[in-house]
């Protein structure tokens, strides 16, 4: 009679976790080791890793027909984390491990040829799923700190090797419960004091940081655009606990969590302009998260914006508006969170010296129109703040470092963000009504850049003078409805930096100064 053992594991569709039942059967017949259930190549190769790992422990597979079924069979199984559950199933059916004990756990991990366990991607969401299913989790020791963040008394067995796991279940060795590990916050060494001049750009950077607004910097080469963008993370507050868990789950699925440590710093992603559409938005053969999802709750910096392929830039329009990147495939529809702060930099024209007759090319100003037309109007419209970053004069370069650095600006940004956190708390406004939530498909509003609709009118409605100025400007600057609302969001952030409740005319005026005039408004 054939013996069947069952071990629980998981598969991933985006950051969604799917329960997988690994069924291992040994029966009489032609000696074989077969894995069925729509495995990819990495899963199919696991039989060789499992065989070598058991051999390293002095265990040989019986000369029988071994069939491993990964159920449900119509879900594609990807990744090397199926090694451990398959090995545990074999050890259970061979009588080495107790079936009732193994059945209480979800297992995932990659096996090395010597039987040691190698870290795999996706342990954090798998741990959260195991806790919801009231099961324990078995994972490699390198992922233990990551799994421990699921909390709630989750039983985590973080084993360095398959032998240690066997000894634990036999009672000859005790695996110490892992402790949650968190990324250390350290100073980046990048300070706003390093930037000479550019006071207007620094002010715009502070406003963008205060409200999470998208920012576009246009200026000649060497004016400091990249330096300004690189110093933006130093102005942003650390991730809140809920945000840290959300961001870490995305990076866990992508296999980018360093040493299994939960992230505390907001992500800063700066892909090269040769990045493909799947690399930027997400996709590929395994529908991995793209740069815009890896920058979730952080900054996505696109330097030399017009040099990106137009199709790639146009694909950013929907994620920037909805806060999520949806990847449609024939066999799956995967959605990744993508609530990012876009910061872009570009030259005014291809040569970059449009305003300098001595250096500009002979095609000016037509070259500027051709170059900037690579960016569509709808994409420009989704960027809250547009600023000119002029060339730095020699007199500015000779000045001593500025008295105010990143620490002082970050303190003002933190105060403005604290106001927004209180304002958009779900229970804000009385009665416990979730005023700050959009709908079931969008994350809660956490900053002014996320506010929309009735909520935006309620929190950012200007006084009579401000509303009059905004109406006149909307007509003269040909603002779209989206541009109109983005002016209100920036004005709300300006009022928060000032620490006042009302949005006044002066806030509307400054917010309007950050909008482009013309077709790229």
Protein backbone atom coordinates (compact mmCIF):
# COMPACT_ATOMS: atom_id res chain seq x y z
CA UNK A 1 0.00 0.00 0.00
CA UNK A 2 1.36 3.40 -0.99
CA UNK A 3 2.18 5.85 1.81
CA UNK A 4 1.43 9.56 1.35
CA UNK A 5 2.83 12.43 3.44
CA UNK A 6 1.57 16.02 3.31
CA UNK A 7 3.56 19.20 4.00
CA UNK A 8 2.22 22.75 3.75
CA UNK A 9 4.09 25.44 1.83
CA UNK A 10 3.21 28.53 -0.20
CA UNK A 11 3.41 30.08 -3.66
CA UNK A 12 3.33 33.77 -4.48
CA UNK A 13 1.28 35.88 -6.85
CA UNK A 14 2.69 39.34 -6.28
CA UNK A 15 2.65 39.75 -2.50
CA UNK A 16 -0.44 37.54 -2.28
CA UNK A 17 0.29 34.19 -0.65
CA UNK A 18 -1.29 30.99 -1.99
CA UNK A 19 -1.45 27.81 0.11
CA UNK A 20 0.25 24.84 -1.52
CA UNK A 21 -0.10 21.22 -0.38
CA UNK A 22 3.05 19.15 -1.06
CA UNK A 23 2.00 15.50 -1.32
CA UNK A 24 4.77 12.90 -1.32
CA UNK A 25 4.01 9.28 -2.19
CA UNK A 26 6.23 6.21 -2.19
CA UNK A 27 4.94 3.13 -3.97
CA UNK A 28 6.21 -0.03 -5.61
CA UNK A 29 7.02 0.08 -9.29
CA UNK A 30 9.76 1.39 -11.55
CA UNK A 31 12.30 3.41 -9.54
CA UNK A 32 11.70 7.09 -10.29
CA UNK A 33 11.49 10.52 -8.67
CA UNK A 34 8.82 12.65 -10.32
CA UNK A 35 7.51 16.12 -9.44
CA UNK A 36 4.12 17.07 -10.88
CA UNK A 37 1.76 20.00 -10.35
CA UNK A 38 3.01 22.59 -12.85
CA UNK A 39 6.56 23.11 -11.46
CA UNK A 40 8.99 25.50 -13.13
CA UNK A 41 12.59 24.56 -13.86
CA UNK A 42 13.87 25.56 -10.39
CA UNK A 43 11.25 23.33 -8.73
CA UNK A 44 11.98 20.48 -11.12
CA UNK A 45 15.67 20.64 -10.23
CA UNK A 46 14.88 20.38 -6.52
CA UNK A 47 14.88 16.58 -6.69
CA UNK A 48 18.64 16.62 -7.28
CA UNK A 49 19.25 19.03 -4.41
CA UNK A 50 17.00 16.99 -2.12
CA UNK A 51 18.69 13.73 -3.12
CA UNK A 52 22.17 15.19 -2.48
CA UNK A 53 21.10 16.71 0.87
CA UNK A 54 19.74 13.39 2.14
CA UNK A 55 22.88 11.64 0.97
CA UNK A 56 24.97 14.16 2.95
CA UNK A 57 23.02 13.10 6.06
CA UNK A 58 23.71 9.43 5.38
CA UNK A 59 20.17 8.78 4.18
CA UNK A 60 19.49 7.15 0.86
CA UNK A 61 16.17 7.18 -0.95
CA UNK A 62 14.48 3.78 -1.04
CA UNK A 63 14.43 2.04 -4.45
CA UNK A 64 10.77 2.90 -5.01
CA UNK A 65 8.63 5.05 -7.21
CA UNK A 66 8.48 8.53 -5.63
CA UNK A 67 5.84 10.98 -6.78
CA UNK A 68 5.62 14.55 -5.49
CA UNK A 69 2.38 16.39 -6.27
CA UNK A 70 2.16 20.15 -5.72
CA UNK A 71 -1.52 20.94 -5.26
CA UNK A 72 -3.48 22.73 -6.59
CA UNK A 73 -2.06 21.49 -9.87
CA UNK A 74 -3.26 24.43 -11.99
CA UNK A 75 -1.12 27.04 -10.16
CA UNK A 76 2.39 27.60 -11.49
CA UNK A 77 5.00 26.76 -8.82
CA UNK A 78 8.11 28.93 -9.01
CA UNK A 79 11.25 29.23 -6.93
CA UNK A 80 13.69 27.11 -4.98
CA UNK A 81 11.81 27.34 -1.66
CA UNK A 82 9.99 24.07 -2.46
CA UNK A 83 13.19 22.11 -1.64
CA UNK A 84 12.55 22.02 2.10
CA UNK A 85 8.88 20.92 2.06
CA UNK A 86 9.70 18.18 -0.47
CA UNK A 87 12.58 16.96 1.73
CA UNK A 88 10.37 17.05 4.83
CA UNK A 89 7.70 15.08 2.98
CA UNK A 90 10.25 12.43 2.01
CA UNK A 91 11.58 12.20 5.58
CA UNK A 92 8.02 11.87 6.86
CA UNK A 93 7.06 9.09 4.46
CA UNK A 94 10.35 7.32 5.33
CA UNK A 95 9.42 7.45 9.02
CA UNK A 96 12.26 9.76 10.05
CA UNK A 97 9.96 12.65 11.08
CA UNK A 98 6.51 12.52 12.78
CA UNK A 99 3.70 13.36 10.37
CA UNK A 100 1.49 15.00 13.02
CA UNK A 101 4.26 17.43 14.02
CA UNK A 102 5.18 18.38 10.46
CA UNK A 103 1.53 18.99 9.62
CA UNK A 104 1.40 21.94 12.03
CA UNK A 105 3.93 23.97 10.05
CA UNK A 106 4.33 25.82 6.77
CA UNK A 107 7.79 25.14 5.37
CA UNK A 108 9.94 26.92 2.79
CA UNK A 109 13.67 26.95 2.14
CA UNK A 110 16.35 26.05 -0.38
CA UNK A 111 18.68 23.12 0.25
CA UNK A 112 22.40 23.16 -0.43
CA UNK A 113 24.11 19.93 -1.47
CA UNK A 114 25.57 19.49 2.03
CA UNK A 115 22.15 19.70 3.68
CA UNK A 116 22.39 23.30 4.88
CA UNK A 117 19.44 25.66 4.38
CA UNK A 118 19.83 28.74 2.19
CA UNK A 119 17.75 31.91 2.54
CA UNK A 120 14.84 32.33 0.14
CA UNK A 121 12.53 35.15 -0.88
CA UNK A 122 9.06 35.71 0.52
CA UNK A 123 9.51 34.51 4.12
CA UNK A 124 7.84 37.58 5.66
CA UNK A 125 4.52 37.29 3.77
CA UNK A 126 4.65 33.51 4.27
CA UNK A 127 5.00 34.04 8.03
CA UNK A 128 2.05 36.45 8.10
CA UNK A 129 -0.01 33.89 6.16
CA UNK A 130 1.03 31.06 8.52
CA UNK A 131 -0.04 33.13 11.52
CA UNK A 132 -3.43 33.76 9.93
CA UNK A 133 -3.80 29.99 9.34
CA UNK A 134 -2.77 29.29 12.97
CA UNK A 135 0.26 27.28 11.88
CA UNK A 136 3.96 27.52 12.63
CA UNK A 137 6.72 28.28 10.14
CA UNK A 138 9.87 26.38 9.22
CA UNK A 139 12.47 28.45 7.36
CA UNK A 140 16.27 28.84 6.97
CA UNK A 141 18.13 30.41 9.89
CA UNK A 142 19.06 33.39 7.70
CA UNK A 143 15.38 34.26 7.37
CA UNK A 144 14.45 33.81 11.02
CA UNK A 145 14.70 37.48 11.93
CA UNK A 146 12.40 38.29 9.03
CA UNK A 147 9.80 35.66 10.00
CA UNK A 148 9.77 36.77 13.64
CA UNK A 149 8.17 40.10 12.62
CA UNK A 150 4.87 38.31 11.97
CA UNK A 151 4.44 38.39 15.76
CA UNK A 152 1.33 37.07 17.48
CA UNK A 153 3.16 34.16 19.05
CA UNK A 154 4.04 32.56 15.72
CA UNK A 155 6.07 29.37 16.26
CA UNK A 156 9.13 29.84 14.04
CA UNK A 157 11.70 27.10 13.53
CA UNK A 158 14.69 28.78 11.87
CA UNK A 159 17.10 25.93 11.18
CA UNK A 160 20.64 26.27 9.80
CA UNK A 161 20.46 22.80 8.22
CA UNK A 162 18.21 19.85 7.56
CA UNK A 163 20.10 17.84 10.20
CA UNK A 164 19.37 20.46 12.88
CA UNK A 165 15.69 20.29 11.96
CA UNK A 166 15.63 16.49 12.26
CA UNK A 167 17.39 16.66 15.63
CA UNK A 168 14.87 19.23 16.85
CA UNK A 169 11.90 17.01 16.08
CA UNK A 170 13.68 14.03 17.64
CA UNK A 171 14.31 16.03 20.82
CA UNK A 172 18.11 15.91 20.70
CA UNK A 173 18.53 19.59 19.79
CA UNK A 174 16.57 22.73 20.56
CA UNK A 175 16.28 25.46 17.95
CA UNK A 176 16.35 28.88 19.60
CA UNK A 177 13.41 31.07 18.56
CA UNK A 178 14.68 33.85 16.26
CA UNK A 179 14.52 37.47 17.30
CA UNK A 180 13.11 40.19 15.05
CA UNK A 181 15.85 42.05 13.21
CA UNK A 182 15.55 45.62 12.03
CA UNK A 183 17.61 47.72 9.67
CA UNK A 184 19.93 50.13 11.44
CA UNK A 185 19.41 53.82 10.79
CA UNK A 186 22.69 55.51 10.04
CA UNK A 187 23.53 58.91 8.65
CA UNK A 188 24.02 58.82 4.88
CA UNK A 189 26.64 61.58 4.93
CA UNK A 190 24.67 63.54 2.31
CA UNK A 191 23.66 66.96 3.58
CA UNK A 192 21.95 69.96 2.03
CA UNK A 193 24.90 72.05 3.23
CA UNK A 194 26.92 70.48 0.41
CA UNK A 195 24.82 72.34 -2.17
CA UNK A 196 25.88 75.91 -2.90
CA UNK A 197 23.16 78.33 -3.89
CA UNK A 198 19.92 76.88 -5.33
CA UNK A 199 17.77 78.25 -2.49
CA UNK A 200 14.60 78.03 -4.58
CA UNK A 201 15.30 74.39 -5.41
CA UNK A 202 15.98 73.60 -1.74
CA UNK A 203 12.67 75.18 -0.79
CA UNK A 204 10.84 73.10 -3.41
CA UNK A 205 12.60 69.98 -2.14
CA UNK A 206 11.41 70.73 1.39
CA UNK A 207 7.83 71.25 0.20
CA UNK A 208 7.93 68.01 -1.80
CA UNK A 209 9.26 66.12 1.23
CA UNK A 210 6.63 67.63 3.54
CA UNK A 211 3.67 66.45 1.47
CA UNK A 212 5.08 63.52 -0.52
CA UNK A 213 4.71 65.45 -3.77
CA UNK A 214 6.16 64.53 -7.15
CA UNK A 215 8.94 66.86 -8.27
CA UNK A 216 10.53 67.71 -11.62
CA UNK A 217 13.81 69.61 -11.83
CA UNK A 218 14.85 71.19 -15.14
CA UNK A 219 18.31 72.71 -15.50
CA UNK A 220 21.63 72.58 -17.31
CA UNK A 221 24.28 69.92 -16.59
CA UNK A 222 26.12 70.42 -13.32
CA UNK A 223 23.48 72.59 -11.70
CA UNK A 224 22.96 70.14 -8.82
CA UNK A 225 19.77 68.28 -9.77
CA UNK A 226 21.10 64.83 -8.90
CA UNK A 227 22.67 66.14 -5.69
CA UNK A 228 19.33 67.57 -4.60
CA UNK A 229 17.50 64.32 -5.34
CA UNK A 230 20.09 62.23 -3.48
CA UNK A 231 19.53 64.33 -0.35
CA UNK A 232 15.76 63.95 -0.35
CA UNK A 233 15.78 60.65 1.65
CA UNK A 234 17.60 62.48 4.46
CA UNK A 235 14.63 64.85 4.76
CA UNK A 236 11.94 62.16 4.94
CA UNK A 237 10.79 60.66 8.25
CA UNK A 238 11.49 56.95 8.90
CA UNK A 239 8.84 54.44 7.93
CA UNK A 240 5.96 54.01 10.37
CA UNK A 241 5.55 50.42 11.68
CA UNK A 242 2.68 49.62 9.31
CA UNK A 243 4.56 51.15 6.37
CA UNK A 244 7.76 49.26 7.28
CA UNK A 245 5.91 45.94 7.25
CA UNK A 246 4.23 46.77 3.94
CA UNK A 247 7.46 47.84 2.24
CA UNK A 248 9.43 44.92 3.69
CA UNK A 249 6.92 42.41 2.31
CA UNK A 250 7.50 43.72 -1.22
CA UNK A 251 11.27 43.54 -0.80
CA UNK A 252 10.94 40.09 0.76
CA UNK A 253 9.09 38.77 -2.29
CA UNK A 254 11.79 40.33 -4.48
CA UNK A 255 14.51 38.73 -2.34
CA UNK A 256 16.05 42.10 -1.45
CA UNK A 257 15.77 42.15 2.36
CA UNK A 258 19.32 42.36 3.69
CA UNK A 259 19.91 39.65 6.33
CA UNK A 260 16.17 39.40 6.90
CA UNK A 261 16.04 42.83 8.54
CA UNK A 262 12.82 44.82 8.49
CA UNK A 263 13.27 48.10 6.62
CA UNK A 264 13.14 51.42 8.46
CA UNK A 265 14.43 53.84 5.84
CA UNK A 266 12.22 54.87 2.98
CA UNK A 267 13.37 53.24 -0.26
CA UNK A 268 15.28 55.33 -2.80
CA UNK A 269 15.43 53.75 -6.25
CA UNK A 270 17.27 55.37 -9.15
CA UNK A 271 17.11 53.11 -12.22
CA UNK A 272 19.21 53.92 -15.28
CA UNK A 273 17.38 55.38 -18.27
CA UNK A 274 18.03 52.17 -20.22
CA UNK A 275 15.68 50.26 -17.85
CA UNK A 276 13.02 48.26 -19.67
CA UNK A 277 9.30 48.55 -19.08
CA UNK A 278 9.10 45.31 -16.98
CA UNK A 279 12.09 46.46 -14.92
CA UNK A 280 10.44 49.78 -14.13
CA UNK A 281 6.77 48.82 -13.73
CA UNK A 282 7.10 45.11 -12.99
CA UNK A 283 6.61 41.92 -14.93
CA UNK A 284 8.87 39.50 -16.73
CA UNK A 285 8.58 35.74 -16.79
CA UNK A 286 7.87 35.58 -13.05
CA UNK A 287 6.02 38.93 -12.72
CA UNK A 288 8.46 40.35 -10.19
CA UNK A 289 7.94 43.83 -8.68
CA UNK A 290 9.45 46.66 -10.69
CA UNK A 291 11.34 49.72 -9.53
CA UNK A 292 8.12 51.65 -8.92
CA UNK A 293 6.93 48.97 -6.46
CA UNK A 294 10.35 48.60 -4.84
CA UNK A 295 10.16 52.36 -4.20
CA UNK A 296 6.75 52.01 -2.48
CA UNK A 297 6.41 54.57 0.36
CA UNK A 298 9.73 56.03 -0.80
CA UNK A 299 11.33 57.88 -3.70
CA UNK A 300 11.66 56.88 -7.35
CA UNK A 301 14.32 59.08 -8.97
CA UNK A 302 14.43 59.20 -12.76
CA UNK A 303 17.48 61.10 -13.95
CA UNK A 304 17.65 62.23 -17.59
CA UNK A 305 13.88 61.76 -17.86
CA UNK A 306 13.53 62.27 -21.66
CA UNK A 307 16.14 59.56 -22.27
CA UNK A 308 13.77 56.87 -20.95
CA UNK A 309 11.79 55.10 -23.69
CA UNK A 310 8.48 56.86 -24.18
CA UNK A 311 6.48 53.64 -23.78
CA UNK A 312 8.15 53.05 -20.43
CA UNK A 313 7.34 56.55 -19.19
CA UNK A 314 3.74 56.32 -20.32
CA UNK A 315 3.36 53.09 -18.34
CA UNK A 316 4.06 55.12 -15.17
CA UNK A 317 0.93 57.22 -15.58
CA UNK A 318 -1.53 54.73 -14.08
CA UNK A 319 0.63 53.69 -11.09
CA UNK A 320 1.32 57.34 -10.24
CA UNK A 321 -2.42 58.02 -10.18
CA UNK A 322 -3.70 54.86 -8.47
CA UNK A 323 -0.76 53.92 -6.25
CA UNK A 324 -0.56 50.38 -7.57
CA UNK A 325 1.04 48.58 -10.52
CA UNK A 326 -1.17 45.98 -12.16
CA UNK A 327 0.50 43.31 -14.29
CA UNK A 328 -1.84 41.32 -16.51
CA UNK A 329 -0.76 37.90 -17.73
CA UNK A 330 -2.63 35.11 -19.50
CA UNK A 331 -2.62 32.95 -16.36
CA UNK A 332 -2.65 35.58 -13.61
CA UNK A 333 -3.41 39.20 -12.78
CA UNK A 334 -0.89 40.51 -10.25
CA UNK A 335 -1.02 43.83 -8.42
CA UNK A 336 1.85 45.37 -6.47
CA UNK A 337 1.59 48.48 -4.26
CA UNK A 338 3.28 51.49 -5.88
CA UNK A 339 2.61 54.58 -3.79
CA UNK A 340 5.80 56.49 -4.64
CA UNK A 341 7.14 60.00 -4.65
CA UNK A 342 8.45 60.58 -8.15
CA UNK A 343 11.47 62.87 -8.47
CA UNK A 344 12.70 63.48 -12.01
CA UNK A 345 15.52 65.54 -13.49
CA UNK A 346 16.13 66.65 -17.05
CA UNK A 347 18.11 69.10 -19.12
CA UNK A 348 16.16 71.86 -20.90
CA UNK A 349 17.39 70.50 -24.25
CA UNK A 350 19.67 67.78 -25.54
CA UNK A 351 22.83 69.90 -25.31
CA UNK A 352 21.64 71.21 -21.93
CA UNK A 353 22.71 74.82 -22.42
CA UNK A 354 19.54 76.41 -23.77
CA UNK A 355 19.91 79.65 -21.77
CA UNK A 356 23.60 80.12 -22.49
CA UNK A 357 24.17 81.48 -26.02
CA UNK A 358 27.88 80.71 -25.80
CA UNK A 359 27.28 77.00 -25.24
CA UNK A 360 23.86 76.31 -26.80
CA UNK A 361 23.62 74.43 -30.07
CA UNK A 362 22.57 76.11 -33.29
CA UNK A 363 19.09 74.55 -33.22
CA UNK A 364 17.89 76.45 -30.14
CA UNK A 365 15.09 76.94 -29.24
CA UNK A 366 13.63 74.22 -31.49
CA UNK A 367 15.90 71.63 -29.91
CA UNK A 368 14.30 72.37 -26.52
CA UNK A 369 10.79 71.89 -27.89
CA UNK A 370 11.77 68.60 -29.53
CA UNK A 371 13.56 67.36 -26.43
CA UNK A 372 10.83 68.25 -23.93
CA UNK A 373 8.12 66.87 -26.22
CA UNK A 374 9.43 63.40 -25.40
CA UNK A 375 7.55 63.81 -22.11
CA UNK A 376 3.80 63.75 -22.66
CA UNK A 377 1.50 66.40 -21.23
CA UNK A 378 -0.43 63.87 -19.07
CA UNK A 379 2.80 62.75 -17.42
CA UNK A 380 3.86 66.36 -16.78
CA UNK A 381 0.40 66.95 -15.32
CA UNK A 382 0.93 64.20 -12.73
CA UNK A 383 3.96 65.98 -11.31
CA UNK A 384 3.00 68.41 -8.57
CA UNK A 385 6.07 70.70 -8.56
CA UNK A 386 8.10 71.86 -11.57
CA UNK A 387 11.16 73.97 -10.85
CA UNK A 388 13.97 75.52 -12.83
CA UNK A 389 17.44 74.75 -11.46
CA UNK A 390 19.78 77.36 -12.99
CA UNK A 391 23.52 76.95 -13.36
CA UNK A 392 25.49 77.75 -10.22
CA UNK A 393 27.50 80.95 -10.50
CA UNK A 394 31.19 81.10 -9.49
CA UNK A 395 30.27 83.52 -6.70
CA UNK A 396 27.91 80.94 -5.20
CA UNK A 397 30.58 78.25 -5.39
CA UNK A 398 32.94 80.49 -3.41
CA UNK A 399 30.44 80.89 -0.57
CA UNK A 400 30.95 78.98 2.71
CA UNK A 401 28.57 76.06 3.48
CA UNK A 402 25.00 77.06 4.29
CA UNK A 403 24.08 77.50 7.94
CA UNK A 404 21.00 75.27 7.58
CA UNK A 405 21.47 71.62 6.72
CA UNK A 406 19.36 68.50 6.28
CA UNK A 407 18.76 68.08 10.03
CA UNK A 408 16.97 71.43 10.37
CA UNK A 409 14.89 70.90 7.23
CA UNK A 410 14.05 67.32 8.26
CA UNK A 411 12.74 68.60 11.59
CA UNK A 412 10.27 70.91 9.81
CA UNK A 413 9.28 68.10 7.45
CA UNK A 414 8.69 65.76 10.39
CA UNK A 415 6.45 68.34 12.07
CA UNK A 416 4.41 68.76 8.87
CA UNK A 417 4.13 64.99 8.42
CA UNK A 418 2.96 64.63 12.05
CA UNK A 419 0.14 67.10 11.29
CA UNK A 420 -0.87 65.01 8.27
CA UNK A 421 -0.72 61.75 10.21
CA UNK A 422 -3.16 63.16 12.74
CA UNK A 423 -5.35 64.71 10.04
CA UNK A 424 -5.71 61.54 7.98
CA UNK A 425 -6.08 59.11 10.89
CA UNK A 426 -9.17 56.96 10.07
CA UNK A 427 -11.03 58.08 13.19
CA UNK A 428 -10.27 61.77 12.57
CA UNK A 429 -13.34 63.94 12.36
CA UNK A 430 -15.40 62.19 15.02
CA UNK A 431 -17.70 59.20 14.94
CA UNK A 432 -14.93 56.80 13.96
CA UNK A 433 -15.72 57.25 10.26
CA UNK A 434 -12.84 56.41 7.89
CA UNK A 435 -12.75 59.83 6.21
CA UNK A 436 -9.16 59.30 5.07
CA UNK A 437 -9.69 56.12 3.09
CA UNK A 438 -10.42 56.16 -0.63
CA UNK A 439 -11.88 52.75 -1.45
CA UNK A 440 -11.20 49.07 -1.02
CA UNK A 441 -8.61 49.03 -3.80
CA UNK A 442 -6.41 51.86 -2.53
CA UNK A 443 -4.27 52.26 0.59
CA UNK A 444 -5.30 54.78 3.25
CA UNK A 445 -4.36 58.40 2.76
CA UNK A 446 -1.13 59.14 4.65
CA UNK A 447 0.05 62.43 3.18
CA UNK A 448 -1.30 65.46 1.35
CA UNK A 449 -0.20 64.02 -2.00
CA UNK A 450 -2.71 61.16 -1.52
CA UNK A 451 -5.74 63.31 -0.65
CA UNK A 452 -8.44 63.54 -3.30
CA UNK A 453 -12.08 64.31 -3.91
CA UNK A 454 -14.23 65.51 -1.03
CA UNK A 455 -11.42 64.92 1.44
CA UNK A 456 -9.11 67.31 -0.45
CA UNK A 457 -11.79 70.00 -0.61
CA UNK A 458 -12.38 69.65 3.11
CA UNK A 459 -8.75 69.84 4.25
CA UNK A 460 -7.28 72.14 1.57
CA UNK A 461 -10.09 74.50 0.68
CA UNK A 462 -8.49 77.99 0.53
CA UNK A 463 -9.89 81.24 1.89
CA UNK A 464 -11.84 83.58 -0.37
CA UNK A 465 -8.75 85.44 -1.63
CA UNK A 466 -6.90 82.21 -2.27
CA UNK A 467 -9.84 80.69 -4.14
CA UNK A 468 -10.14 83.79 -6.32
CA UNK A 469 -6.44 83.67 -7.18
CA UNK A 470 -6.63 79.96 -7.99
CA UNK A 471 -9.64 80.46 -10.26
CA UNK A 472 -7.92 83.25 -12.20
CA UNK A 473 -4.70 81.25 -12.50
CA UNK A 474 -6.56 78.14 -13.66
CA UNK A 475 -7.95 80.11 -16.60
CA UNK A 476 -4.74 81.90 -17.56
CA UNK A 477 -2.45 78.88 -17.06
CA UNK A 478 -4.94 76.45 -18.65
CA UNK A 479 -4.79 74.15 -15.62
CA UNK A 480 -6.50 70.82 -15.98
CA UNK A 481 -8.72 69.49 -13.19
CA UNK A 482 -5.79 67.32 -12.08
CA UNK A 483 -3.44 70.31 -12.08
CA UNK A 484 -6.00 72.33 -10.09
CA UNK A 485 -6.17 69.67 -7.39
CA UNK A 486 -2.40 69.27 -7.27
CA UNK A 487 -2.04 72.99 -6.59
CA UNK A 488 -4.40 72.54 -3.64
CA UNK A 489 -2.32 69.64 -2.31
CA UNK A 490 0.92 71.60 -2.51
CA UNK A 491 -0.76 74.61 -0.87
CA UNK A 492 -1.93 72.36 1.96
CA UNK A 493 1.66 71.20 2.50
CA UNK A 494 2.88 74.80 2.55
CA UNK A 495 0.33 75.61 5.25
CA UNK A 496 1.44 72.54 7.23
CA UNK A 497 5.07 73.67 7.07
CA UNK A 498 3.94 77.00 8.43
CA UNK A 499 1.88 75.25 11.11
CA UNK A 500 -1.45 76.93 10.25
CA UNK A 501 -4.85 75.36 9.70
CA UNK A 502 -6.15 77.58 6.89
CA UNK A 503 -4.86 77.56 3.32
CA UNK A 504 -4.40 81.22 2.42
CA UNK A 505 -3.67 83.24 -0.71
CA UNK A 506 0.09 83.21 -0.06
CA UNK A 507 0.11 79.40 -0.03
CA UNK A 508 -1.87 79.24 -3.29
CA UNK A 509 0.53 81.75 -4.88
CA UNK A 510 3.62 79.74 -3.99
CA UNK A 511 1.98 76.48 -5.08
CA UNK A 512 1.13 78.05 -8.45
CA UNK A 513 4.76 79.10 -8.88
CA UNK A 514 5.64 75.40 -9.01
CA UNK A 515 3.38 74.70 -12.02
CA UNK A 516 4.55 74.81 -15.63
CA UNK A 517 2.88 77.27 -17.99
CA UNK A 518 1.89 75.88 -21.36
CA UNK A 519 1.28 72.40 -22.79
CA UNK A 520 3.35 70.69 -20.08
CA UNK A 521 1.37 72.19 -17.20
